[in-house]
Amino acid sequence: MPISRAVQLADKLYAIDAWMEEGPERLSCYLFDTPERVLVEVGPSATLHHLSDALDELGIDDIATIVVTHIHIDHAGGAGQLARRYPRARIGVHSSGARHLVSPERLWSSAVGVFGEEWLTSTWGQMEPIAEERLMVLDEGDRVPLGGGRFLDVMHTPGHARHHIVFHDDDSGGMFVGDSVGLCYPHGHFVQPVTPPPDFDARLVVEQLHRMAQRNPRFLGFAHFGPDYRVAETLMSAETRIWDWVRIVEGMTNLDDKAATEELRRWSRAQYLDLGFTEEDIVKYEAKTFWPMQVAGIRRWLATRQTR
């Protein structure tokens, strides 16, 4: 059986490996064990028991607020089930994503179109609706109370998804970035873009990277996966790789989606090897990347951009 892990990052702040997809270092959730407890990210319902076990191990019997950076199922799919486990918790979500937690059918249908129903149901699990009155609807400039005069500041960060938000804690210096910066796994220590349809917008992603840098966070709390303390380097690398991927995909006009997907994967592997990353680390990134979605998102953005 996998062991749920909680690592203390700062005073009353923990990173929890939620063992998404029954594996380590797939999803990191963040717990503020403050007078008003806040949990950042939930993950899918299929492996929610690992997160619940970790919370039990920490002695957590109540949570004031459960917040998600965005409503994609690998971040928010288990929110309804966790809300049932903690009946007094509010569920914090961006205003444009709130209705999909109340009625998740459209979100589920969209995900089925990308991943297939059999894989989605068995690997991530079903969603449960959340009563509207339990939602804390969030937007740019809002604050989530932690108690004792401490807050999480909310930034609206569209680009990965229009309903994406980021949370910044002045006390620890942590900025909890969801997927807005990309993937950054601790075994490889390099950032890789995440470019899903239908909302991916390269220009918006880069705008948000600049806004995040202006806050001068001490570390970036990635959902996939864990804290990264090389903030300036990581944000600059994220911007460079976004434009690299856009340039590569834009030049693939003669390739269909399948061939373009394989070419982006091949080009990225060669680039990572040139930068000195190990074969072992590259294989791990490849295994945790749904490559067809990356090309589809970039191509959709390029087509939309050209018609404006």
C-alpha atoms as a PDB file:
ATOM      1  CA  MET A   1       0.000   0.000   0.000  1.00  0.00           C
ATOM      2  CA  PRO A   2       1.308   3.519  -0.779  1.00  0.00           C
ATOM      3  CA  ILE A   3       2.146   5.733   2.159  1.00  0.00           C
ATOM      4  CA  SER A   4       0.595   9.199   2.163  1.00  0.00           C
ATOM      5  CA  ARG A   5       3.232  11.781   2.915  1.00  0.00           C
ATOM      6  CA  ALA A   6       3.007  15.207   4.494  1.00  0.00           C
ATOM      7  CA  VAL A   7       6.071  17.439   4.599  1.00  0.00           C
ATOM      8  CA  GLN A   8       6.219  20.628   6.643  1.00  0.00           C
ATOM      9  CA  LEU A   9       7.274  23.578   4.470  1.00  0.00           C
ATOM     10  CA  ALA A  10       6.877  26.421   6.967  1.00  0.00           C
ATOM     11  CA  ASP A  11       5.054  27.285  10.163  1.00  0.00           C
ATOM     12  CA  LYS A  12       1.658  25.559   9.987  1.00  0.00           C
ATOM     13  CA  LEU A  13       2.070  24.776   6.280  1.00  0.00           C
ATOM     14  CA  TYR A  14       2.330  21.260   4.853  1.00  0.00           C
ATOM     15  CA  ALA A  15       2.726  19.782   1.373  1.00  0.00           C
ATOM     16  CA  ILE A  16       0.835  16.510   0.963  1.00  0.00           C
ATOM     17  CA  ASP A  17       1.580  13.927  -1.710  1.00  0.00           C
ATOM     18  CA  ALA A  18      -1.960  12.870  -2.682  1.00  0.00           C
ATOM     19  CA  TRP A  19      -0.846   9.789  -4.651  1.00  0.00           C
ATOM     20  CA  MET A  20      -2.944  10.689  -7.670  1.00  0.00           C
ATOM     21  CA  GLU A  21      -3.230   7.795 -10.138  1.00  0.00           C
ATOM     22  CA  GLU A  22      -1.867   5.560  -7.356  1.00  0.00           C
ATOM     23  CA  GLY A  23       1.650   6.903  -7.737  1.00  0.00           C
ATOM     24  CA  PRO A  24       3.992   9.273  -5.879  1.00  0.00           C
ATOM     25  CA  GLU A  25       4.821  12.814  -7.001  1.00  0.00           C
ATOM     26  CA  ARG A  26       1.746  13.211  -9.210  1.00  0.00           C
ATOM     27  CA  LEU A  27      -0.270  15.756  -7.210  1.00  0.00           C
ATOM     28  CA  SER A  28       0.713  18.003  -4.334  1.00  0.00           C
ATOM     29  CA  CYS A  29      -1.942  19.493  -2.069  1.00  0.00           C
ATOM     30  CA  TYR A  30      -1.127  22.165   0.522  1.00  0.00           C
ATOM     31  CA  LEU A  31      -2.570  22.382   4.022  1.00  0.00           C
ATOM     32  CA  PHE A  32      -2.541  25.464   6.221  1.00  0.00           C
ATOM     33  CA  ASP A  33      -3.052  24.104   9.742  1.00  0.00           C
ATOM     34  CA  THR A  34      -3.978  27.576  10.966  1.00  0.00           C
ATOM     35  CA  PRO A  35      -6.871  28.745  13.197  1.00  0.00           C
ATOM     36  CA  GLU A  36      -9.033  28.672  10.060  1.00  0.00           C
ATOM     37  CA  ARG A  37      -7.653  25.659   8.221  1.00  0.00           C
ATOM     38  CA  VAL A  38      -7.345  25.887   4.444  1.00  0.00           C
ATOM     39  CA  LEU A  39      -6.575  23.101   1.976  1.00  0.00           C
ATOM     40  CA  VAL A  40      -5.287  24.049  -1.485  1.00  0.00           C
ATOM     41  CA  GLU A  41      -6.173  21.454  -4.189  1.00  0.00           C
ATOM     42  CA  VAL A  42      -8.129  18.239  -3.803  1.00  0.00           C
ATOM     43  CA  GLY A  43      -7.351  15.978  -6.724  1.00  0.00           C
ATOM     44  CA  PRO A  44      -9.632  13.375  -8.307  1.00  0.00           C
ATOM     45  CA  SER A  45     -12.072  11.268  -6.335  1.00  0.00           C
ATOM     46  CA  ALA A  46     -10.556   7.876  -7.233  1.00  0.00           C
ATOM     47  CA  THR A  47      -7.511   8.447  -5.012  1.00  0.00           C
ATOM     48  CA  LEU A  48      -9.060  10.856  -2.514  1.00  0.00           C
ATOM     49  CA  HIS A  49      -8.563   8.271   0.237  1.00  0.00           C
ATOM     50  CA  HIS A  50      -4.809   8.933   0.164  1.00  0.00           C
ATOM     51  CA  LEU A  51      -5.357  12.639   0.842  1.00  0.00           C
ATOM     52  CA  SER A  52      -7.902  11.795   3.549  1.00  0.00           C
ATOM     53  CA  ASP A  53      -5.431   9.411   5.192  1.00  0.00           C
ATOM     54  CA  ALA A  54      -2.754  12.105   5.233  1.00  0.00           C
ATOM     55  CA  LEU A  55      -5.163  14.606   6.795  1.00  0.00           C
ATOM     56  CA  ASP A  56      -6.086  12.026   9.437  1.00  0.00           C
ATOM     57  CA  GLU A  57      -2.412  11.412  10.170  1.00  0.00           C
ATOM     58  CA  LEU A  58      -2.018  15.142  10.802  1.00  0.00           C
ATOM     59  CA  GLY A  59      -4.988  15.112  13.174  1.00  0.00           C
ATOM     60  CA  ILE A  60      -7.184  17.250  10.930  1.00  0.00           C
ATOM     61  CA  ASP A  61     -10.823  16.865  11.993  1.00  0.00           C
ATOM     62  CA  ASP A  62     -12.211  20.040  10.426  1.00  0.00           C
ATOM     63  CA  ILE A  63     -11.367  22.369   7.544  1.00  0.00           C
ATOM     64  CA  ALA A  64     -12.707  25.913   7.161  1.00  0.00           C
ATOM     65  CA  THR A  65     -12.048  26.305   3.429  1.00  0.00           C
ATOM     66  CA  ILE A  66     -11.097  23.958   0.604  1.00  0.00           C
ATOM     67  CA  VAL A  67      -9.826  25.892  -2.429  1.00  0.00           C
ATOM     68  CA  VAL A  68      -8.957  24.717  -5.939  1.00  0.00           C
ATOM     69  CA  THR A  69      -6.769  26.580  -8.394  1.00  0.00           C
ATOM     70  CA  HIS A  70      -9.076  25.519 -11.231  1.00  0.00           C
ATOM     71  CA  ILE A  71     -11.832  23.034 -11.936  1.00  0.00           C
ATOM     72  CA  HIS A  72      -9.962  20.489 -14.092  1.00  0.00           C
ATOM     73  CA  ILE A  73     -10.735  17.050 -12.706  1.00  0.00           C
ATOM     74  CA  ASP A  74      -7.186  16.244 -11.592  1.00  0.00           C
ATOM     75  CA  HIS A  75      -7.458  19.262  -9.268  1.00  0.00           C
ATOM     76  CA  ALA A  76     -11.134  19.491  -8.296  1.00  0.00           C
ATOM     77  CA  GLY A  77     -12.698  16.141  -9.213  1.00  0.00           C
ATOM     78  CA  GLY A  78     -12.958  14.977  -5.612  1.00  0.00           C
ATOM     79  CA  ALA A  79     -14.155  18.318  -4.179  1.00  0.00           C
ATOM     80  CA  GLY A  80     -17.743  17.126  -3.775  1.00  0.00           C
ATOM     81  CA  GLN A  81     -16.710  14.007  -1.880  1.00  0.00           C
ATOM     82  CA  LEU A  82     -14.295  15.954   0.337  1.00  0.00           C
ATOM     83  CA  ALA A  83     -16.976  18.564   1.011  1.00  0.00           C
ATOM     84  CA  ARG A  84     -19.191  15.733   2.252  1.00  0.00           C
ATOM     85  CA  ARG A  85     -16.389  14.558   4.577  1.00  0.00           C
ATOM     86  CA  TYR A  86     -15.940  18.088   5.991  1.00  0.00           C
ATOM     87  CA  PRO A  87     -19.538  19.398   6.094  1.00  0.00           C
ATOM     88  CA  ARG A  88     -18.620  22.823   7.491  1.00  0.00           C
ATOM     89  CA  ALA A  89     -16.014  23.620   4.856  1.00  0.00           C
ATOM     90  CA  ARG A  90     -16.552  26.257   2.190  1.00  0.00           C
ATOM     91  CA  ILE A  91     -15.313  25.404  -1.301  1.00  0.00           C
ATOM     92  CA  GLY A  92     -13.316  28.217  -2.921  1.00  0.00           C
ATOM     93  CA  VAL A  93     -13.318  28.433  -6.725  1.00  0.00           C
ATOM     94  CA  HIS A  94     -13.068  31.137  -9.377  1.00  0.00           C
ATOM     95  CA  SER A  95     -16.343  32.747 -10.398  1.00  0.00           C
ATOM     96  CA  SER A  96     -16.255  31.368 -13.948  1.00  0.00           C
ATOM     97  CA  GLY A  97     -15.758  27.801 -12.715  1.00  0.00           C
ATOM     98  CA  ALA A  98     -18.225  27.792  -9.823  1.00  0.00           C
ATOM     99  CA  ARG A  99     -21.248  26.577 -11.794  1.00  0.00           C
ATOM    100  CA  HIS A 100     -19.343  23.485 -12.916  1.00  0.00           C
ATOM    101  CA  LEU A 101     -18.855  22.340  -9.322  1.00  0.00           C
ATOM    102  CA  VAL A 102     -22.575  22.781  -8.678  1.00  0.00           C
ATOM    103  CA  SER A 103     -23.488  20.914 -11.892  1.00  0.00           C
ATOM    104  CA  PRO A 104     -20.415  18.989 -13.096  1.00  0.00           C
ATOM    105  CA  GLU A 105     -22.081  17.248 -16.064  1.00  0.00           C
ATOM    106  CA  ARG A 106     -20.695  19.579 -18.736  1.00  0.00           C
ATOM    107  CA  LEU A 107     -17.198  19.488 -17.253  1.00  0.00           C
ATOM    108  CA  TRP A 108     -17.335  15.695 -17.114  1.00  0.00           C
ATOM    109  CA  SER A 109     -18.558  15.446 -20.690  1.00  0.00           C
ATOM    110  CA  SER A 110     -15.728  17.687 -21.901  1.00  0.00           C
ATOM    111  CA  ALA A 111     -13.139  15.566 -20.074  1.00  0.00           C
ATOM    112  CA  VAL A 112     -14.626  12.372 -21.535  1.00  0.00           C
ATOM    113  CA  GLY A 113     -14.035  13.838 -24.990  1.00  0.00           C
ATOM    114  CA  VAL A 114     -10.330  14.213 -24.191  1.00  0.00           C
ATOM    115  CA  PHE A 115      -9.538  11.146 -22.067  1.00  0.00           C
ATOM    116  CA  GLY A 116     -12.342   8.657 -22.775  1.00  0.00           C
ATOM    117  CA  GLU A 117     -14.978   7.635 -20.245  1.00  0.00           C
ATOM    118  CA  GLU A 118     -13.457   4.297 -19.250  1.00  0.00           C
ATOM    119  CA  TRP A 119     -10.038   5.796 -18.418  1.00  0.00           C
ATOM    120  CA  LEU A 120     -11.551   8.849 -16.747  1.00  0.00           C
ATOM    121  CA  THR A 121     -13.896   6.841 -14.535  1.00  0.00           C
ATOM    122  CA  SER A 122     -11.351   4.225 -13.487  1.00  0.00           C
ATOM    123  CA  THR A 123      -8.332   6.516 -13.079  1.00  0.00           C
ATOM    124  CA  TRP A 124      -9.761   9.812 -11.809  1.00  0.00           C
ATOM    125  CA  GLY A 125     -13.245   8.807 -10.660  1.00  0.00           C
ATOM    126  CA  GLN A 126     -16.690  10.367 -10.722  1.00  0.00           C
ATOM    127  CA  MET A 127     -17.540  13.880  -9.540  1.00  0.00           C
ATOM    128  CA  GLU A 128     -20.239  14.767  -7.018  1.00  0.00           C
ATOM    129  CA  PRO A 129     -22.117  18.100  -7.171  1.00  0.00           C
ATOM    130  CA  ILE A 130     -21.593  20.698  -4.452  1.00  0.00           C
ATOM    131  CA  ALA A 131     -24.473  22.745  -3.050  1.00  0.00           C
ATOM    132  CA  GLU A 132     -24.239  26.316  -4.327  1.00  0.00           C
ATOM    133  CA  GLU A 133     -24.542  27.792  -0.833  1.00  0.00           C
ATOM    134  CA  ARG A 134     -21.287  26.090   0.173  1.00  0.00           C
ATOM    135  CA  LEU A 135     -19.214  27.823  -2.478  1.00  0.00           C
ATOM    136  CA  MET A 136     -16.818  30.693  -1.800  1.00  0.00           C
ATOM    137  CA  VAL A 137     -16.706  32.390  -5.183  1.00  0.00           C
ATOM    138  CA  LEU A 138     -13.295  33.999  -5.710  1.00  0.00           C
ATOM    139  CA  ASP A 139     -11.731  36.516  -8.079  1.00  0.00           C
ATOM    140  CA  GLU A 140      -8.743  38.854  -8.394  1.00  0.00           C
ATOM    141  CA  GLY A 141      -8.024  40.708  -5.155  1.00  0.00           C
ATOM    142  CA  ASP A 142     -10.068  38.477  -2.856  1.00  0.00           C
ATOM    143  CA  ARG A 143      -8.576  37.031   0.319  1.00  0.00           C
ATOM    144  CA  VAL A 144      -9.095  33.638   1.926  1.00  0.00           C
ATOM    145  CA  PRO A 145      -8.820  33.903   5.726  1.00  0.00           C
ATOM    146  CA  LEU A 146      -6.370  31.633   7.536  1.00  0.00           C
ATOM    147  CA  GLY A 147      -7.124  33.091  10.970  1.00  0.00           C
ATOM    148  CA  GLY A 148      -5.013  35.223  13.253  1.00  0.00           C
ATOM    149  CA  GLY A 149      -4.865  38.039  10.709  1.00  0.00           C
ATOM    150  CA  ARG A 150      -3.264  35.825   8.051  1.00  0.00           C
ATOM    151  CA  PHE A 151      -4.732  35.472   4.557  1.00  0.00           C
ATOM    152  CA  LEU A 152      -4.204  33.888   1.178  1.00  0.00           C
ATOM    153  CA  ASP A 153      -4.308  36.555  -1.529  1.00  0.00           C
ATOM    154  CA  VAL A 154      -6.103  35.526  -4.728  1.00  0.00           C
ATOM    155  CA  MET A 155      -4.808  36.277  -8.216  1.00  0.00           C
ATOM    156  CA  HIS A 156      -6.894  35.516 -11.289  1.00  0.00           C
ATOM    157  CA  THR A 157      -4.440  33.885 -13.704  1.00  0.00           C
ATOM    158  CA  PRO A 158      -6.149  32.862 -16.969  1.00  0.00           C
ATOM    159  CA  GLY A 159      -4.018  31.305 -19.687  1.00  0.00           C
ATOM    160  CA  HIS A 160      -4.009  27.628 -18.752  1.00  0.00           C
ATOM    161  CA  ALA A 161      -7.744  27.914 -18.077  1.00  0.00           C
ATOM    162  CA  ARG A 162     -10.030  30.939 -17.853  1.00  0.00           C
ATOM    163  CA  HIS A 163     -11.084  29.884 -14.348  1.00  0.00           C
ATOM    164  CA  HIS A 164      -7.533  29.537 -12.992  1.00  0.00           C
ATOM    165  CA  ILE A 165      -6.516  31.312  -9.791  1.00  0.00           C
ATOM    166  CA  VAL A 166      -3.288  31.404  -7.788  1.00  0.00           C
ATOM    167  CA  PHE A 167      -2.929  31.842  -4.020  1.00  0.00           C
ATOM    168  CA  HIS A 168      -0.125  33.816  -2.351  1.00  0.00           C
ATOM    169  CA  ASP A 169       0.761  33.625   1.349  1.00  0.00           C
ATOM    170  CA  ASP A 170       2.835  36.574   2.541  1.00  0.00           C
ATOM    171  CA  ASP A 171       3.907  34.817   5.751  1.00  0.00           C
ATOM    172  CA  SER A 172       5.593  31.791   4.176  1.00  0.00           C
ATOM    173  CA  GLY A 173       6.265  33.443   0.827  1.00  0.00           C
ATOM    174  CA  GLY A 174       4.527  30.539  -0.866  1.00  0.00           C
ATOM    175  CA  MET A 175       2.674  31.024  -4.132  1.00  0.00           C
ATOM    176  CA  PHE A 176       0.424  28.081  -4.984  1.00  0.00           C
ATOM    177  CA  VAL A 177       0.328  28.067  -8.755  1.00  0.00           C
ATOM    178  CA  GLY A 178      -1.734  25.053  -9.833  1.00  0.00           C
ATOM    179  CA  ASP A 179      -0.975  24.561 -13.541  1.00  0.00           C
ATOM    180  CA  SER A 180      -0.454  28.229 -14.419  1.00  0.00           C
ATOM    181  CA  VAL A 181       3.354  27.856 -14.644  1.00  0.00           C
ATOM    182  CA  GLY A 182       3.405  24.266 -15.906  1.00  0.00           C
ATOM    183  CA  LEU A 183       4.770  20.999 -14.524  1.00  0.00           C
ATOM    184  CA  CYS A 184       7.903  20.905 -12.383  1.00  0.00           C
ATOM    185  CA  TYR A 185       8.713  17.551 -10.831  1.00  0.00           C
ATOM    186  CA  PRO A 186      11.298  17.343  -8.045  1.00  0.00           C
ATOM    187  CA  HIS A 187      13.198  14.482  -9.672  1.00  0.00           C
ATOM    188  CA  GLY A 188      14.006  16.568 -12.756  1.00  0.00           C
ATOM    189  CA  HIS A 189      13.841  20.186 -11.577  1.00  0.00           C
ATOM    190  CA  PHE A 190      12.790  21.623 -14.921  1.00  0.00           C
ATOM    191  CA  VAL A 191       9.513  23.230 -15.869  1.00  0.00           C
ATOM    192  CA  GLN A 192       7.410  22.029 -18.797  1.00  0.00           C
ATOM    193  CA  PRO A 193       4.357  23.764 -20.291  1.00  0.00           C
ATOM    194  CA  VAL A 194       0.787  22.502 -19.940  1.00  0.00           C
ATOM    195  CA  THR A 195      -1.291  23.703 -22.892  1.00  0.00           C
ATOM    196  CA  PRO A 196      -4.777  22.126 -22.884  1.00  0.00           C
ATOM    197  CA  PRO A 197      -7.749  23.102 -25.008  1.00  0.00           C
ATOM    198  CA  PRO A 198     -10.064  24.933 -25.014  1.00  0.00           C
ATOM    199  CA  ASP A 199      -8.707  27.817 -22.923  1.00  0.00           C
ATOM    200  CA  PHE A 200      -4.938  27.768 -23.441  1.00  0.00           C
ATOM    201  CA  ASP A 201      -3.667  31.214 -24.415  1.00  0.00           C
ATOM    202  CA  ALA A 202       0.108  31.655 -24.669  1.00  0.00           C
ATOM    203  CA  ARG A 203       0.020  35.431 -24.306  1.00  0.00           C
ATOM    204  CA  LEU A 204      -2.136  35.243 -21.185  1.00  0.00           C
ATOM    205  CA  VAL A 205       0.109  32.565 -19.656  1.00  0.00           C
ATOM    206  CA  VAL A 206       3.163  34.786 -20.099  1.00  0.00           C
ATOM    207  CA  GLU A 207       1.334  37.830 -18.699  1.00  0.00           C
ATOM    208  CA  GLN A 208       0.551  35.831 -15.560  1.00  0.00           C
ATOM    209  CA  LEU A 209       4.155  34.651 -15.218  1.00  0.00           C
ATOM    210  CA  HIS A 210       5.248  38.301 -15.152  1.00  0.00           C
ATOM    211  CA  ARG A 211       2.568  39.184 -12.587  1.00  0.00           C
ATOM    212  CA  MET A 212       3.640  36.318 -10.351  1.00  0.00           C
ATOM    213  CA  ALA A 213       7.279  37.402 -10.546  1.00  0.00           C
ATOM    214  CA  GLN A 214       6.300  40.904  -9.442  1.00  0.00           C
ATOM    215  CA  ARG A 215       5.040  39.452  -6.148  1.00  0.00           C
ATOM    216  CA  ASN A 216       8.527  38.066  -5.452  1.00  0.00           C
ATOM    217  CA  PRO A 217       7.400  34.778  -3.875  1.00  0.00           C
ATOM    218  CA  ARG A 218       9.849  32.713  -1.862  1.00  0.00           C
ATOM    219  CA  PHE A 219       8.737  29.479  -3.526  1.00  0.00           C
ATOM    220  CA  LEU A 220       6.265  28.221  -6.113  1.00  0.00           C
ATOM    221  CA  GLY A 221       3.920  25.516  -4.863  1.00  0.00           C
ATOM    222  CA  PHE A 222       3.304  23.379  -7.942  1.00  0.00           C
ATOM    223  CA  ALA A 223       0.364  21.018  -8.065  1.00  0.00           C
ATOM    224  CA  HIS A 224       2.512  18.779 -10.274  1.00  0.00           C
ATOM    225  CA  PHE A 225       4.635  18.626  -8.143  1.00  0.00           C
ATOM    226  CA  GLY A 226       5.747  20.211  -4.895  1.00  0.00           C
ATOM    227  CA  PRO A 227       7.637  23.383  -3.928  1.00  0.00           C
ATOM    228  CA  ASP A 228      10.244  24.937  -6.186  1.00  0.00           C
ATOM    229  CA  TYR A 229      12.588  27.550  -4.695  1.00  0.00           C
ATOM    230  CA  ARG A 230      14.322  28.701  -7.896  1.00  0.00           C
ATOM    231  CA  VAL A 231      11.511  31.129  -8.560  1.00  0.00           C
ATOM    232  CA  ALA A 232      13.058  33.589 -11.017  1.00  0.00           C
ATOM    233  CA  GLU A 233      14.807  30.850 -13.008  1.00  0.00           C
ATOM    234  CA  THR A 234      11.680  28.703 -13.171  1.00  0.00           C
ATOM    235  CA  LEU A 235       9.394  31.537 -14.287  1.00  0.00           C
ATOM    236  CA  MET A 236      11.854  32.587 -17.002  1.00  0.00           C
ATOM    237  CA  SER A 237      12.236  28.987 -18.186  1.00  0.00           C
ATOM    238  CA  ALA A 238       8.459  28.579 -18.288  1.00  0.00           C
ATOM    239  CA  GLU A 239       8.152  31.612 -20.572  1.00  0.00           C
ATOM    240  CA  THR A 240      10.934  30.417 -22.876  1.00  0.00           C
ATOM    241  CA  ARG A 241       9.445  26.934 -23.232  1.00  0.00           C
ATOM    242  CA  ILE A 242       5.936  28.218 -23.891  1.00  0.00           C
ATOM    243  CA  TRP A 243       7.190  30.178 -26.909  1.00  0.00           C
ATOM    244  CA  ASP A 244       9.423  27.272 -27.987  1.00  0.00           C
ATOM    245  CA  TRP A 245       6.408  24.932 -28.069  1.00  0.00           C
ATOM    246  CA  VAL A 246       4.256  27.492 -29.891  1.00  0.00           C
ATOM    247  CA  ARG A 247       6.979  28.006 -32.499  1.00  0.00           C
ATOM    248  CA  ILE A 248       7.448  24.267 -33.036  1.00  0.00           C
ATOM    249  CA  VAL A 249       3.726  23.508 -33.328  1.00  0.00           C
ATOM    250  CA  GLU A 250       3.125  26.533 -35.558  1.00  0.00           C
ATOM    251  CA  GLY A 251       5.679  25.147 -38.001  1.00  0.00           C
ATOM    252  CA  MET A 252       3.954  21.753 -38.261  1.00  0.00           C
ATOM    253  CA  THR A 253       1.343  22.813 -40.805  1.00  0.00           C
ATOM    254  CA  ASN A 254       1.959  19.691 -42.908  1.00  0.00           C
ATOM    255  CA  LEU A 255       1.442  17.257 -40.011  1.00  0.00           C
ATOM    256  CA  ASP A 256      -1.819  15.857 -38.651  1.00  0.00           C
ATOM    257  CA  ASP A 257      -2.476  15.911 -34.913  1.00  0.00           C
ATOM    258  CA  LYS A 258      -0.983  12.477 -34.275  1.00  0.00           C
ATOM    259  CA  ALA A 259       2.212  13.197 -36.170  1.00  0.00           C
ATOM    260  CA  ALA A 260       2.510  16.674 -34.641  1.00  0.00           C
ATOM    261  CA  THR A 261       2.131  15.197 -31.175  1.00  0.00           C
ATOM    262  CA  GLU A 262       4.955  12.752 -31.782  1.00  0.00           C
ATOM    263  CA  GLU A 263       7.146  15.504 -33.255  1.00  0.00           C
ATOM    264  CA  LEU A 264       6.614  17.793 -30.236  1.00  0.00           C
ATOM    265  CA  ARG A 265       7.470  14.926 -27.931  1.00  0.00           C
ATOM    266  CA  ARG A 266      10.585  14.064 -29.961  1.00  0.00           C
ATOM    267  CA  TRP A 267      11.716  17.706 -30.140  1.00  0.00           C
ATOM    268  CA  SER A 268      11.203  18.210 -26.389  1.00  0.00           C
ATOM    269  CA  ARG A 269      13.205  15.069 -25.569  1.00  0.00           C
ATOM    270  CA  ALA A 270      16.106  16.245 -27.750  1.00  0.00           C
ATOM    271  CA  GLN A 271      15.966  19.699 -26.182  1.00  0.00           C
ATOM    272  CA  TYR A 272      16.038  18.305 -22.641  1.00  0.00           C
ATOM    273  CA  LEU A 273      18.997  16.065 -23.466  1.00  0.00           C
ATOM    274  CA  ASP A 274      20.858  19.058 -24.934  1.00  0.00           C
ATOM    275  CA  LEU A 275      20.193  20.964 -21.690  1.00  0.00           C
ATOM    276  CA  GLY A 276      21.793  18.169 -19.682  1.00  0.00           C
ATOM    277  CA  PHE A 277      18.747  16.502 -18.141  1.00  0.00           C
ATOM    278  CA  THR A 278      19.043  12.766 -17.548  1.00  0.00           C
ATOM    279  CA  GLU A 279      17.301  10.086 -19.563  1.00  0.00           C
ATOM    280  CA  GLU A 280      15.696   8.813 -16.353  1.00  0.00           C
ATOM    281  CA  ASP A 281      14.160  12.194 -15.558  1.00  0.00           C
ATOM    282  CA  ILE A 282      12.972  12.766 -19.124  1.00  0.00           C
ATOM    283  CA  VAL A 283      11.197   9.397 -19.146  1.00  0.00           C
ATOM    284  CA  LYS A 284       9.376  10.352 -15.942  1.00  0.00           C
ATOM    285  CA  TYR A 285       8.198  13.649 -17.448  1.00  0.00           C
ATOM    286  CA  GLU A 286       7.050  11.867 -20.600  1.00  0.00           C
ATOM    287  CA  ALA A 287       5.043   9.376 -18.554  1.00  0.00           C
ATOM    288  CA  LYS A 288       3.261  12.205 -16.709  1.00  0.00           C
ATOM    289  CA  THR A 289       2.427  14.234 -19.829  1.00  0.00           C
ATOM    290  CA  PHE A 290      -0.711  13.739 -21.933  1.00  0.00           C
ATOM    291  CA  TRP A 291       0.940  14.776 -25.186  1.00  0.00           C
ATOM    292  CA  PRO A 292      -2.073  14.910 -27.574  1.00  0.00           C
ATOM    293  CA  MET A 293      -3.694  17.539 -25.365  1.00  0.00           C
ATOM    294  CA  GLN A 294      -0.644  19.821 -25.599  1.00  0.00           C
ATOM    295  CA  VAL A 295      -0.664  20.022 -29.393  1.00  0.00           C
ATOM    296  CA  ALA A 296      -4.469  20.362 -29.509  1.00  0.00           C
ATOM    297  CA  GLY A 297      -4.406  23.319 -27.118  1.00  0.00           C
ATOM    298  CA  ILE A 298      -1.662  25.171 -28.990  1.00  0.00           C
ATOM    299  CA  ARG A 299      -3.282  24.566 -32.378  1.00  0.00           C
ATOM    300  CA  ARG A 300      -6.633  25.805 -31.117  1.00  0.00           C
ATOM    301  CA  TRP A 301      -5.015  28.974 -29.742  1.00  0.00           C
ATOM    302  CA  LEU A 302      -3.119  29.604 -32.978  1.00  0.00           C
ATOM    303  CA  ALA A 303      -6.321  29.244 -35.009  1.00  0.00           C
ATOM    304  CA  THR A 304      -8.278  31.500 -32.661  1.00  0.00           C
ATOM    305  CA  ARG A 305      -5.504  34.098 -32.585  1.00  0.00           C
ATOM    306  CA  GLN A 306      -5.393  34.244 -36.376  1.00  0.00           C
ATOM    307  CA  THR A 307      -9.138  34.904 -36.673  1.00  0.00           C
ATOM    308  CA  ARG A 308      -9.208  37.813 -34.256  1.00  0.00           C
END
